[in-house]
Amino acid sequence: MDTHLFTAEKGRLDQQVSLHTEYSRSQVQQWIEAGLVCVSGEPITRPSFKLKGGEEVTFQIPPEKPSEVVPEDVPLDVIYEDEHLIAVNKPWGMMTHPAQGIVTGTLVNALMGRIQLPDADKDFGDEGYRPGIVHRLDKDTSGVIVVAKTVLAHAKLAEAFKERETKKTYLCISVGRVNNGKTITLDAPVGRHPVQRQMMTVGGAASRESQTHFQTLAEVRDDSGRWYSLVLAKPRTGRTHQIRVHLQHLKAPILGDEVYGKAAPQISRQALHALSLDIPHPENGKVLHLHAQVPEDMRVAWLALGGAETDLPQRSSH
């Protein structure tokens, strides 16, 4: 389940929790009665419980009861496939897997229309319906994602991510300069934003160690003096929104990121692309190098900012 934390102000418990969610007060009251809300570590089951102010309140949002997840006939840009796994260049705008209230249009739906996924007959877990999924990309992030085709491959791939045996490289366009254009490895813990529950932040609630290596490939400056950077980001940990949060912390948010920056006329989504992934094959341990070419919308955006075609990483055929 999704767990959240905040420091209470004076008032009713159900009112305080509802202020920190997008759900109705009646829904919050059901969570409280189900024992999903704690005050100072103790479960409270009375929605009308009076808070004095200053207490630490934690609450869990249960997954919604899913509708049926069905296979869909959606074209996929397949980078690599064998009997153990499939690697896809995920388009932006596509969620990785079904979650609360969303059961169509995801990568899982598209894959189910193409192949048999392991554990596809199981129900939603706390994090949604994830047959074969071992890692995720944000909805509006494009690029390489690998999915297991067998239970054994799923276990092996998940272990590789857990033990940091993978190497991930992302391409992004940032608004600003990253460490004045110099290479940097940022070590800054990332946790849940204390107020905006769908955001992460450096520090924050239940923060965990987070490291990202940033290398600036090129920089341009517009007529107003504003800098833009073409950057390679190599995360050494895998926290939610890690690259986006770290670039915001460096005062160089991703172009078009409406959560950690702002919308941009050059692109209609966050300019973030999973460019490559190195991962040991689950069958023989040999490293697979999976590469997804620079997407057209990011190429066009960089050129519109005044960058050069030669700044971009070389295109690769599958």
C-alpha atoms as a PDB file:
ATOM      1  CA  MET A   1       0.000   0.000   0.000  1.00  0.00           C
ATOM      2  CA  ASP A   2       1.018   3.612  -0.533  1.00  0.00           C
ATOM      3  CA  THR A   3       2.010   5.088   2.865  1.00  0.00           C
ATOM      4  CA  HIS A   4       2.028   8.818   3.640  1.00  0.00           C
ATOM      5  CA  LEU A   5       3.127  10.922   6.606  1.00  0.00           C
ATOM      6  CA  PHE A   6       2.373  14.443   7.834  1.00  0.00           C
ATOM      7  CA  THR A   7       2.437  16.552  10.978  1.00  0.00           C
ATOM      8  CA  ALA A   8      -1.067  17.330  12.150  1.00  0.00           C
ATOM      9  CA  GLU A   9      -2.714  20.615  12.959  1.00  0.00           C
ATOM     10  CA  LYS A  10      -5.537  20.918  15.482  1.00  0.00           C
ATOM     11  CA  GLY A  11      -8.844  19.421  14.340  1.00  0.00           C
ATOM     12  CA  ARG A  12     -10.687  16.217  13.445  1.00  0.00           C
ATOM     13  CA  LEU A  13      -8.603  13.311  12.189  1.00  0.00           C
ATOM     14  CA  ASP A  14     -10.706  12.713   9.061  1.00  0.00           C
ATOM     15  CA  GLN A  15     -10.518  16.396   8.119  1.00  0.00           C
ATOM     16  CA  GLN A  16      -6.742  16.494   8.521  1.00  0.00           C
ATOM     17  CA  VAL A  17      -6.134  13.338   6.461  1.00  0.00           C
ATOM     18  CA  SER A  18      -8.490  14.462   3.684  1.00  0.00           C
ATOM     19  CA  LEU A  19      -6.498  17.685   3.348  1.00  0.00           C
ATOM     20  CA  HIS A  20      -3.483  15.572   2.373  1.00  0.00           C
ATOM     21  CA  THR A  21      -5.214  13.457  -0.287  1.00  0.00           C
ATOM     22  CA  GLU A  22      -7.281  13.850  -3.429  1.00  0.00           C
ATOM     23  CA  TYR A  23      -9.924  11.521  -1.993  1.00  0.00           C
ATOM     24  CA  SER A  24     -13.280  12.430  -0.436  1.00  0.00           C
ATOM     25  CA  ARG A  25     -13.759  12.737   3.292  1.00  0.00           C
ATOM     26  CA  SER A  26     -16.154   9.770   3.264  1.00  0.00           C
ATOM     27  CA  GLN A  27     -13.421   7.638   1.637  1.00  0.00           C
ATOM     28  CA  VAL A  28     -10.924   8.783   4.271  1.00  0.00           C
ATOM     29  CA  GLN A  29     -13.382   7.819   7.013  1.00  0.00           C
ATOM     30  CA  GLN A  30     -13.452   4.271   5.608  1.00  0.00           C
ATOM     31  CA  TRP A  31      -9.648   4.108   5.785  1.00  0.00           C
ATOM     32  CA  ILE A  32      -9.713   5.242   9.416  1.00  0.00           C
ATOM     33  CA  GLU A  33     -12.368   2.703  10.362  1.00  0.00           C
ATOM     34  CA  ALA A  34     -10.297  -0.002   8.634  1.00  0.00           C
ATOM     35  CA  GLY A  35      -7.292   0.819  10.822  1.00  0.00           C
ATOM     36  CA  LEU A  36      -5.186   2.349   8.045  1.00  0.00           C
ATOM     37  CA  VAL A  37      -4.501   5.621   9.903  1.00  0.00           C
ATOM     38  CA  CYS A  38      -2.101   5.961  12.844  1.00  0.00           C
ATOM     39  CA  VAL A  39      -1.517   8.907  15.177  1.00  0.00           C
ATOM     40  CA  SER A  40       1.903   8.906  16.828  1.00  0.00           C
ATOM     41  CA  GLY A  41       2.274   5.254  15.858  1.00  0.00           C
ATOM     42  CA  GLU A  42      -1.079   4.108  17.258  1.00  0.00           C
ATOM     43  CA  PRO A  43      -3.957   3.015  14.986  1.00  0.00           C
ATOM     44  CA  ILE A  44      -7.026   5.233  15.413  1.00  0.00           C
ATOM     45  CA  THR A  45     -10.387   3.961  14.153  1.00  0.00           C
ATOM     46  CA  ARG A  46     -12.601   6.955  15.029  1.00  0.00           C
ATOM     47  CA  PRO A  47     -12.900   9.520  12.192  1.00  0.00           C
ATOM     48  CA  SER A  48     -13.922  12.181  14.740  1.00  0.00           C
ATOM     49  CA  PHE A  49     -10.750  11.708  16.826  1.00  0.00           C
ATOM     50  CA  LYS A  50      -9.533  15.124  17.982  1.00  0.00           C
ATOM     51  CA  LEU A  51      -5.961  16.115  17.160  1.00  0.00           C
ATOM     52  CA  LYS A  52      -4.198  18.606  19.435  1.00  0.00           C
ATOM     53  CA  GLY A  53      -1.689  19.605  16.748  1.00  0.00           C
ATOM     54  CA  GLY A  54       1.892  18.448  16.275  1.00  0.00           C
ATOM     55  CA  GLU A  55       1.158  14.719  16.172  1.00  0.00           C
ATOM     56  CA  GLU A  56       2.748  12.569  13.487  1.00  0.00           C
ATOM     57  CA  VAL A  57      -0.001  11.041  11.340  1.00  0.00           C
ATOM     58  CA  THR A  58       0.601   8.188   8.918  1.00  0.00           C
ATOM     59  CA  PHE A  59      -2.007   6.751   6.586  1.00  0.00           C
ATOM     60  CA  GLN A  60      -2.155   4.081   3.907  1.00  0.00           C
ATOM     61  CA  ILE A  61      -4.105   4.333   0.665  1.00  0.00           C
ATOM     62  CA  PRO A  62      -5.413   0.890  -0.287  1.00  0.00           C
ATOM     63  CA  PRO A  63      -5.382  -0.145  -3.945  1.00  0.00           C
ATOM     64  CA  GLU A  64      -8.724   0.211  -5.664  1.00  0.00           C
ATOM     65  CA  LYS A  65     -10.538  -2.938  -6.654  1.00  0.00           C
ATOM     66  CA  PRO A  66      -9.420  -3.494 -10.237  1.00  0.00           C
ATOM     67  CA  SER A  67     -11.519  -3.999 -13.283  1.00  0.00           C
ATOM     68  CA  GLU A  68     -10.405  -6.774 -15.600  1.00  0.00           C
ATOM     69  CA  VAL A  69      -7.096  -6.150 -17.349  1.00  0.00           C
ATOM     70  CA  VAL A  70      -7.357  -7.321 -20.939  1.00  0.00           C
ATOM     71  CA  PRO A  71      -4.853  -7.778 -23.794  1.00  0.00           C
ATOM     72  CA  GLU A  72      -4.743  -4.956 -26.328  1.00  0.00           C
ATOM     73  CA  ASP A  73      -3.465  -4.860 -29.888  1.00  0.00           C
ATOM     74  CA  VAL A  74      -0.989  -1.988 -29.632  1.00  0.00           C
ATOM     75  CA  PRO A  75       2.146  -1.722 -31.816  1.00  0.00           C
ATOM     76  CA  LEU A  76       5.384  -1.858 -29.837  1.00  0.00           C
ATOM     77  CA  ASP A  77       8.919  -0.781 -30.737  1.00  0.00           C
ATOM     78  CA  VAL A  78      10.738  -3.982 -29.757  1.00  0.00           C
ATOM     79  CA  ILE A  79      14.466  -3.567 -29.154  1.00  0.00           C
ATOM     80  CA  TYR A  80      15.270  -7.182 -28.224  1.00  0.00           C
ATOM     81  CA  GLU A  81      13.317 -10.375 -27.611  1.00  0.00           C
ATOM     82  CA  ASP A  82      14.020 -14.016 -26.833  1.00  0.00           C
ATOM     83  CA  GLU A  83      12.247 -16.739 -24.862  1.00  0.00           C
ATOM     84  CA  HIS A  84      13.283 -15.178 -21.524  1.00  0.00           C
ATOM     85  CA  LEU A  85      12.620 -11.466 -21.873  1.00  0.00           C
ATOM     86  CA  ILE A  86      11.477  -8.655 -24.102  1.00  0.00           C
ATOM     87  CA  ALA A  87      12.921  -5.125 -24.229  1.00  0.00           C
ATOM     88  CA  VAL A  88      10.791  -2.288 -25.572  1.00  0.00           C
ATOM     89  CA  ASN A  89      11.295   1.377 -26.409  1.00  0.00           C
ATOM     90  CA  LYS A  90       8.315   2.659 -24.410  1.00  0.00           C
ATOM     91  CA  PRO A  91       6.651   5.746 -25.885  1.00  0.00           C
ATOM     92  CA  TRP A  92       5.933   8.705 -23.646  1.00  0.00           C
ATOM     93  CA  GLY A  93       2.331   8.956 -22.493  1.00  0.00           C
ATOM     94  CA  MET A  94       2.080   5.209 -21.796  1.00  0.00           C
ATOM     95  CA  MET A  95       1.973   3.933 -18.212  1.00  0.00           C
ATOM     96  CA  THR A  96       4.105   0.882 -17.503  1.00  0.00           C
ATOM     97  CA  HIS A  97       1.375  -1.145 -15.817  1.00  0.00           C
ATOM     98  CA  PRO A  98      -2.241  -0.868 -14.644  1.00  0.00           C
ATOM     99  CA  ALA A  99      -2.744   0.839 -11.289  1.00  0.00           C
ATOM    100  CA  GLN A 100      -5.528   2.484  -9.326  1.00  0.00           C
ATOM    101  CA  GLY A 101      -8.359   3.306 -11.723  1.00  0.00           C
ATOM    102  CA  ILE A 102      -6.278   2.683 -14.882  1.00  0.00           C
ATOM    103  CA  VAL A 103      -6.613  -0.726 -16.539  1.00  0.00           C
ATOM    104  CA  THR A 104      -6.193   0.058 -20.246  1.00  0.00           C
ATOM    105  CA  GLY A 105      -3.578   1.628 -22.493  1.00  0.00           C
ATOM    106  CA  THR A 106      -0.563   0.470 -20.483  1.00  0.00           C
ATOM    107  CA  LEU A 107       2.557  -1.376 -21.577  1.00  0.00           C
ATOM    108  CA  VAL A 108       1.272  -4.480 -19.792  1.00  0.00           C
ATOM    109  CA  ASN A 109      -1.950  -4.395 -21.842  1.00  0.00           C
ATOM    110  CA  ALA A 110       0.098  -4.127 -25.040  1.00  0.00           C
ATOM    111  CA  LEU A 111       2.430  -6.943 -24.007  1.00  0.00           C
ATOM    112  CA  MET A 112      -0.487  -9.193 -23.046  1.00  0.00           C
ATOM    113  CA  GLY A 113      -1.727  -8.758 -26.609  1.00  0.00           C
ATOM    114  CA  ARG A 114       1.615 -10.054 -27.895  1.00  0.00           C
ATOM    115  CA  ILE A 115       3.057 -12.601 -25.438  1.00  0.00           C
ATOM    116  CA  GLN A 116       2.270 -14.665 -22.355  1.00  0.00           C
ATOM    117  CA  LEU A 117       3.431 -12.867 -19.222  1.00  0.00           C
ATOM    118  CA  PRO A 118       4.348 -14.690 -15.988  1.00  0.00           C
ATOM    119  CA  ASP A 119       1.751 -14.516 -13.185  1.00  0.00           C
ATOM    120  CA  ALA A 120      -0.699 -12.763 -15.504  1.00  0.00           C
ATOM    121  CA  ASP A 121      -3.550 -14.570 -13.756  1.00  0.00           C
ATOM    122  CA  LYS A 122      -2.824 -12.960 -10.372  1.00  0.00           C
ATOM    123  CA  ASP A 123      -4.793 -10.069  -8.911  1.00  0.00           C
ATOM    124  CA  PHE A 124      -3.584  -6.542  -8.237  1.00  0.00           C
ATOM    125  CA  GLY A 125      -0.916  -6.204  -5.579  1.00  0.00           C
ATOM    126  CA  ASP A 126      -0.325  -3.121  -3.467  1.00  0.00           C
ATOM    127  CA  GLU A 127       1.435  -1.444  -6.406  1.00  0.00           C
ATOM    128  CA  GLY A 128      -0.976  -2.459  -9.146  1.00  0.00           C
ATOM    129  CA  TYR A 129      -0.999  -5.236 -11.732  1.00  0.00           C
ATOM    130  CA  ARG A 130       2.597  -5.964 -12.682  1.00  0.00           C
ATOM    131  CA  PRO A 131       3.045  -9.321 -14.497  1.00  0.00           C
ATOM    132  CA  GLY A 132       6.632  -9.572 -15.746  1.00  0.00           C
ATOM    133  CA  ILE A 133       7.488  -6.012 -14.706  1.00  0.00           C
ATOM    134  CA  VAL A 134      10.831  -5.616 -12.920  1.00  0.00           C
ATOM    135  CA  HIS A 135      11.325  -1.844 -13.244  1.00  0.00           C
ATOM    136  CA  ARG A 136       9.263   1.145 -14.315  1.00  0.00           C
ATOM    137  CA  LEU A 137       9.434   4.345 -16.277  1.00  0.00           C
ATOM    138  CA  ASP A 138       7.239   7.353 -15.520  1.00  0.00           C
ATOM    139  CA  LYS A 139       4.263   7.746 -17.838  1.00  0.00           C
ATOM    140  CA  ASP A 140       5.833  10.681 -19.692  1.00  0.00           C
ATOM    141  CA  THR A 141       9.342   9.212 -19.813  1.00  0.00           C
ATOM    142  CA  SER A 142      10.224   7.308 -22.981  1.00  0.00           C
ATOM    143  CA  GLY A 143      12.869   4.701 -23.612  1.00  0.00           C
ATOM    144  CA  VAL A 144      14.259   1.285 -22.727  1.00  0.00           C
ATOM    145  CA  ILE A 145      12.281  -0.987 -20.443  1.00  0.00           C
ATOM    146  CA  VAL A 146      12.813  -4.731 -20.018  1.00  0.00           C
ATOM    147  CA  VAL A 147      10.063  -7.211 -19.095  1.00  0.00           C
ATOM    148  CA  ALA A 148      10.425 -10.841 -18.035  1.00  0.00           C
ATOM    149  CA  LYS A 149       8.630 -13.604 -19.954  1.00  0.00           C
ATOM    150  CA  THR A 150       9.086 -16.350 -17.340  1.00  0.00           C
ATOM    151  CA  VAL A 151       8.912 -16.573 -13.559  1.00  0.00           C
ATOM    152  CA  LEU A 152      12.603 -17.517 -13.367  1.00  0.00           C
ATOM    153  CA  ALA A 153      13.643 -14.631 -15.623  1.00  0.00           C
ATOM    154  CA  HIS A 154      11.566 -12.263 -13.489  1.00  0.00           C
ATOM    155  CA  ALA A 155      13.379 -13.372 -10.338  1.00  0.00           C
ATOM    156  CA  LYS A 156      16.812 -13.097 -11.977  1.00  0.00           C
ATOM    157  CA  LEU A 157      16.162  -9.656 -13.483  1.00  0.00           C
ATOM    158  CA  ALA A 158      14.673  -8.332 -10.241  1.00  0.00           C
ATOM    159  CA  GLU A 159      17.762  -9.532  -8.384  1.00  0.00           C
ATOM    160  CA  ALA A 160      20.019  -7.753 -10.898  1.00  0.00           C
ATOM    161  CA  PHE A 161      18.248  -4.459 -10.231  1.00  0.00           C
ATOM    162  CA  LYS A 162      18.284  -5.019  -6.465  1.00  0.00           C
ATOM    163  CA  GLU A 163      22.011  -5.776  -6.433  1.00  0.00           C
ATOM    164  CA  ARG A 164      22.741  -2.823  -8.763  1.00  0.00           C
ATOM    165  CA  GLU A 165      24.168  -5.040 -11.468  1.00  0.00           C
ATOM    166  CA  THR A 166      22.474  -2.894 -14.092  1.00  0.00           C
ATOM    167  CA  LYS A 167      23.671   0.324 -15.708  1.00  0.00           C
ATOM    168  CA  LYS A 168      21.023   2.853 -16.749  1.00  0.00           C
ATOM    169  CA  THR A 169      21.666   5.946 -18.840  1.00  0.00           C
ATOM    170  CA  TYR A 170      19.064   8.637 -19.435  1.00  0.00           C
ATOM    171  CA  LEU A 171      19.147  11.595 -21.805  1.00  0.00           C
ATOM    172  CA  CYS A 172      17.488  14.813 -20.695  1.00  0.00           C
ATOM    173  CA  ILE A 173      17.246  18.478 -21.543  1.00  0.00           C
ATOM    174  CA  SER A 174      17.409  20.750 -18.527  1.00  0.00           C
ATOM    175  CA  VAL A 175      16.541  24.398 -18.052  1.00  0.00           C
ATOM    176  CA  GLY A 176      19.748  25.808 -16.614  1.00  0.00           C
ATOM    177  CA  ARG A 177      23.310  24.643 -16.180  1.00  0.00           C
ATOM    178  CA  VAL A 178      24.125  21.453 -14.280  1.00  0.00           C
ATOM    179  CA  ASN A 179      27.022  22.191 -11.930  1.00  0.00           C
ATOM    180  CA  ASN A 180      28.211  24.941 -14.328  1.00  0.00           C
ATOM    181  CA  GLY A 181      28.578  22.351 -17.059  1.00  0.00           C
ATOM    182  CA  LYS A 182      30.943  20.159 -15.060  1.00  0.00           C
ATOM    183  CA  THR A 183      30.463  16.451 -14.373  1.00  0.00           C
ATOM    184  CA  ILE A 184      28.996  15.762 -10.933  1.00  0.00           C
ATOM    185  CA  THR A 185      27.750  12.832  -8.890  1.00  0.00           C
ATOM    186  CA  LEU A 186      24.973  14.121  -6.664  1.00  0.00           C
ATOM    187  CA  ASP A 187      24.458  12.215  -3.412  1.00  0.00           C
ATOM    188  CA  ALA A 188      21.208  13.536  -1.946  1.00  0.00           C
ATOM    189  CA  PRO A 189      18.512  11.399  -0.259  1.00  0.00           C
ATOM    190  CA  VAL A 190      15.047  11.464  -1.827  1.00  0.00           C
ATOM    191  CA  GLY A 191      11.783  11.082   0.086  1.00  0.00           C
ATOM    192  CA  ARG A 192       8.092  11.889  -0.110  1.00  0.00           C
ATOM    193  CA  HIS A 193       7.205  15.597  -0.223  1.00  0.00           C
ATOM    194  CA  PRO A 194       5.689  16.558   3.160  1.00  0.00           C
ATOM    195  CA  VAL A 195       2.729  18.403   1.603  1.00  0.00           C
ATOM    196  CA  GLN A 196       2.347  17.387  -2.057  1.00  0.00           C
ATOM    197  CA  ARG A 197       1.885  13.638  -1.693  1.00  0.00           C
ATOM    198  CA  GLN A 198       2.450  12.840  -5.385  1.00  0.00           C
ATOM    199  CA  MET A 199       5.827  14.588  -5.386  1.00  0.00           C
ATOM    200  CA  MET A 200       9.235  13.585  -4.107  1.00  0.00           C
ATOM    201  CA  THR A 201      11.906  15.920  -2.765  1.00  0.00           C
ATOM    202  CA  VAL A 202      15.479  15.934  -1.497  1.00  0.00           C
ATOM    203  CA  GLY A 203      15.019  15.074   2.160  1.00  0.00           C
ATOM    204  CA  GLY A 204      11.310  14.590   2.711  1.00  0.00           C
ATOM    205  CA  ALA A 205       9.494  11.832   4.563  1.00  0.00           C
ATOM    206  CA  ALA A 206      11.193   8.428   4.822  1.00  0.00           C
ATOM    207  CA  SER A 207      14.032   9.604   2.554  1.00  0.00           C
ATOM    208  CA  ARG A 208      16.473   7.032   1.179  1.00  0.00           C
ATOM    209  CA  GLU A 209      19.993   7.345  -0.193  1.00  0.00           C
ATOM    210  CA  SER A 210      20.040   8.483  -3.813  1.00  0.00           C
ATOM    211  CA  GLN A 211      22.957   9.052  -6.170  1.00  0.00           C
ATOM    212  CA  THR A 212      22.923  10.260  -9.763  1.00  0.00           C
ATOM    213  CA  HIS A 213      25.916  10.919 -12.028  1.00  0.00           C
ATOM    214  CA  PHE A 214      25.388  13.849 -14.413  1.00  0.00           C
ATOM    215  CA  GLN A 215      27.448  14.609 -17.523  1.00  0.00           C
ATOM    216  CA  THR A 216      26.698  17.660 -19.656  1.00  0.00           C
ATOM    217  CA  LEU A 217      27.002  16.917 -23.376  1.00  0.00           C
ATOM    218  CA  ALA A 218      26.262  20.420 -24.649  1.00  0.00           C
ATOM    219  CA  GLU A 219      24.888  23.800 -23.570  1.00  0.00           C
ATOM    220  CA  VAL A 220      23.082  26.594 -25.385  1.00  0.00           C
ATOM    221  CA  ARG A 221      22.048  30.080 -24.306  1.00  0.00           C
ATOM    222  CA  ASP A 222      19.055  31.988 -25.665  1.00  0.00           C
ATOM    223  CA  ASP A 223      18.740  35.710 -26.343  1.00  0.00           C
ATOM    224  CA  SER A 224      17.481  36.364 -22.809  1.00  0.00           C
ATOM    225  CA  GLY A 225      20.568  34.758 -21.297  1.00  0.00           C
ATOM    226  CA  ARG A 226      18.832  31.565 -20.160  1.00  0.00           C
ATOM    227  CA  TRP A 227      20.885  28.382 -20.352  1.00  0.00           C
ATOM    228  CA  TYR A 228      19.713  24.969 -21.547  1.00  0.00           C
ATOM    229  CA  SER A 229      21.717  21.770 -21.156  1.00  0.00           C
ATOM    230  CA  LEU A 230      21.767  18.401 -22.900  1.00  0.00           C
ATOM    231  CA  VAL A 231      22.619  15.963 -20.143  1.00  0.00           C
ATOM    232  CA  LEU A 232      23.347  12.277 -19.601  1.00  0.00           C
ATOM    233  CA  ALA A 233      22.074  11.049 -16.229  1.00  0.00           C
ATOM    234  CA  LYS A 234      23.229   7.748 -14.773  1.00  0.00           C
ATOM    235  CA  PRO A 235      21.307   6.864 -11.592  1.00  0.00           C
ATOM    236  CA  ARG A 236      23.126   4.603  -9.166  1.00  0.00           C
ATOM    237  CA  THR A 237      19.965   4.095  -7.136  1.00  0.00           C
ATOM    238  CA  GLY A 238      16.375   3.759  -8.279  1.00  0.00           C
ATOM    239  CA  ARG A 239      14.191   6.133  -6.290  1.00  0.00           C
ATOM    240  CA  THR A 240      10.872   7.442  -7.575  1.00  0.00           C
ATOM    241  CA  HIS A 241      11.389  10.549  -9.775  1.00  0.00           C
ATOM    242  CA  GLN A 242      15.079  10.510  -8.768  1.00  0.00           C
ATOM    243  CA  ILE A 243      16.572  12.220 -11.842  1.00  0.00           C
ATOM    244  CA  ARG A 244      13.797  14.821 -11.966  1.00  0.00           C
ATOM    245  CA  VAL A 245      14.166  15.639  -8.262  1.00  0.00           C
ATOM    246  CA  HIS A 246      17.968  15.779  -8.391  1.00  0.00           C
ATOM    247  CA  LEU A 247      17.962  18.155 -11.373  1.00  0.00           C
ATOM    248  CA  GLN A 248      15.412  20.378  -9.658  1.00  0.00           C
ATOM    249  CA  HIS A 249      17.707  20.379  -6.601  1.00  0.00           C
ATOM    250  CA  LEU A 250      20.584  21.485  -8.853  1.00  0.00           C
ATOM    251  CA  LYS A 251      18.375  24.339 -10.112  1.00  0.00           C
ATOM    252  CA  ALA A 252      18.249  22.822 -13.594  1.00  0.00           C
ATOM    253  CA  PRO A 253      14.810  21.152 -13.838  1.00  0.00           C
ATOM    254  CA  ILE A 254      13.927  19.073 -16.859  1.00  0.00           C
ATOM    255  CA  LEU A 255      12.434  20.971 -19.796  1.00  0.00           C
ATOM    256  CA  GLY A 256       8.658  20.504 -19.889  1.00  0.00           C
ATOM    257  CA  ASP A 257       8.436  18.867 -16.439  1.00  0.00           C
ATOM    258  CA  GLU A 258       5.230  20.379 -15.072  1.00  0.00           C
ATOM    259  CA  VAL A 259       5.694  18.755 -11.645  1.00  0.00           C
ATOM    260  CA  TYR A 260       9.273  19.769 -10.826  1.00  0.00           C
ATOM    261  CA  GLY A 261       9.619  22.638 -13.308  1.00  0.00           C
ATOM    262  CA  LYS A 262       7.099  24.055 -15.746  1.00  0.00           C
ATOM    263  CA  ALA A 263       5.557  23.485 -19.163  1.00  0.00           C
ATOM    264  CA  ALA A 264       7.652  24.440 -22.181  1.00  0.00           C
ATOM    265  CA  PRO A 265       6.645  25.443 -25.721  1.00  0.00           C
ATOM    266  CA  GLN A 266       9.386  23.294 -27.266  1.00  0.00           C
ATOM    267  CA  ILE A 267       7.995  19.947 -26.027  1.00  0.00           C
ATOM    268  CA  SER A 268       4.698  18.615 -24.714  1.00  0.00           C
ATOM    269  CA  ARG A 269       6.140  16.393 -21.965  1.00  0.00           C
ATOM    270  CA  GLN A 270       9.199  16.145 -19.734  1.00  0.00           C
ATOM    271  CA  ALA A 271      12.331  15.858 -21.879  1.00  0.00           C
ATOM    272  CA  LEU A 272      13.564  12.635 -20.275  1.00  0.00           C
ATOM    273  CA  HIS A 273      14.436   9.449 -22.171  1.00  0.00           C
ATOM    274  CA  ALA A 274      15.850   6.114 -21.001  1.00  0.00           C
ATOM    275  CA  LEU A 275      18.610   5.910 -23.584  1.00  0.00           C
ATOM    276  CA  SER A 276      20.258   2.634 -22.642  1.00  0.00           C
ATOM    277  CA  LEU A 277      20.242  -0.214 -20.179  1.00  0.00           C
ATOM    278  CA  ASP A 278      23.001  -2.748 -19.543  1.00  0.00           C
ATOM    279  CA  ILE A 279      21.707  -5.840 -17.746  1.00  0.00           C
ATOM    280  CA  PRO A 280      22.935  -9.413 -17.252  1.00  0.00           C
ATOM    281  CA  HIS A 281      20.888 -11.917 -19.236  1.00  0.00           C
ATOM    282  CA  PRO A 282      18.852 -14.089 -16.835  1.00  0.00           C
ATOM    283  CA  GLU A 283      19.857 -17.290 -18.614  1.00  0.00           C
ATOM    284  CA  ASN A 284      23.640 -16.974 -19.117  1.00  0.00           C
ATOM    285  CA  GLY A 285      24.673 -13.809 -17.257  1.00  0.00           C
ATOM    286  CA  LYS A 286      26.126 -12.160 -20.364  1.00  0.00           C
ATOM    287  CA  VAL A 287      25.527  -8.414 -20.411  1.00  0.00           C
ATOM    288  CA  LEU A 288      22.829  -7.210 -22.783  1.00  0.00           C
ATOM    289  CA  HIS A 289      23.274  -3.647 -24.033  1.00  0.00           C
ATOM    290  CA  LEU A 290      19.841  -2.287 -24.861  1.00  0.00           C
ATOM    291  CA  HIS A 291      19.590   1.066 -26.625  1.00  0.00           C
ATOM    292  CA  ALA A 292      16.622   3.228 -27.629  1.00  0.00           C
ATOM    293  CA  GLN A 293      17.369   5.988 -30.145  1.00  0.00           C
ATOM    294  CA  VAL A 294      16.767   9.629 -29.221  1.00  0.00           C
ATOM    295  CA  PRO A 295      13.032  10.352 -29.666  1.00  0.00           C
ATOM    296  CA  GLU A 296      12.002  12.806 -32.339  1.00  0.00           C
ATOM    297  CA  ASP A 297      10.274  15.243 -29.969  1.00  0.00           C
ATOM    298  CA  MET A 298      13.442  15.650 -27.881  1.00  0.00           C
ATOM    299  CA  ARG A 299      15.586  16.039 -30.993  1.00  0.00           C
ATOM    300  CA  VAL A 300      13.262  18.754 -32.318  1.00  0.00           C
ATOM    301  CA  ALA A 301      13.164  20.490 -28.927  1.00  0.00           C
ATOM    302  CA  TRP A 302      16.962  20.597 -28.665  1.00  0.00           C
ATOM    303  CA  LEU A 303      17.315  22.023 -32.167  1.00  0.00           C
ATOM    304  CA  ALA A 304      14.588  24.596 -31.430  1.00  0.00           C
ATOM    305  CA  LEU A 305      16.594  25.773 -28.416  1.00  0.00           C
ATOM    306  CA  GLY A 306      19.597  26.382 -30.653  1.00  0.00           C
ATOM    307  CA  GLY A 307      21.418  23.097 -30.151  1.00  0.00           C
ATOM    308  CA  ALA A 308      23.091  21.104 -32.916  1.00  0.00           C
ATOM    309  CA  GLU A 309      22.247  17.692 -34.340  1.00  0.00           C
ATOM    310  CA  THR A 310      25.797  16.594 -33.576  1.00  0.00           C
ATOM    311  CA  ASP A 311      25.247  17.260 -29.857  1.00  0.00           C
ATOM    312  CA  LEU A 312      22.831  14.346 -29.656  1.00  0.00           C
ATOM    313  CA  PRO A 313      23.970  10.782 -28.931  1.00  0.00           C
ATOM    314  CA  GLN A 314      24.415   8.834 -32.150  1.00  0.00           C
ATOM    315  CA  ARG A 315      21.299   7.071 -33.366  1.00  0.00           C
ATOM    316  CA  SER A 316      21.343   3.302 -33.193  1.00  0.00           C
ATOM    317  CA  SER A 317      19.438   0.779 -35.250  1.00  0.00           C
ATOM    318  CA  HIS A 318      17.841  -2.178 -33.579  1.00  0.00           C
END
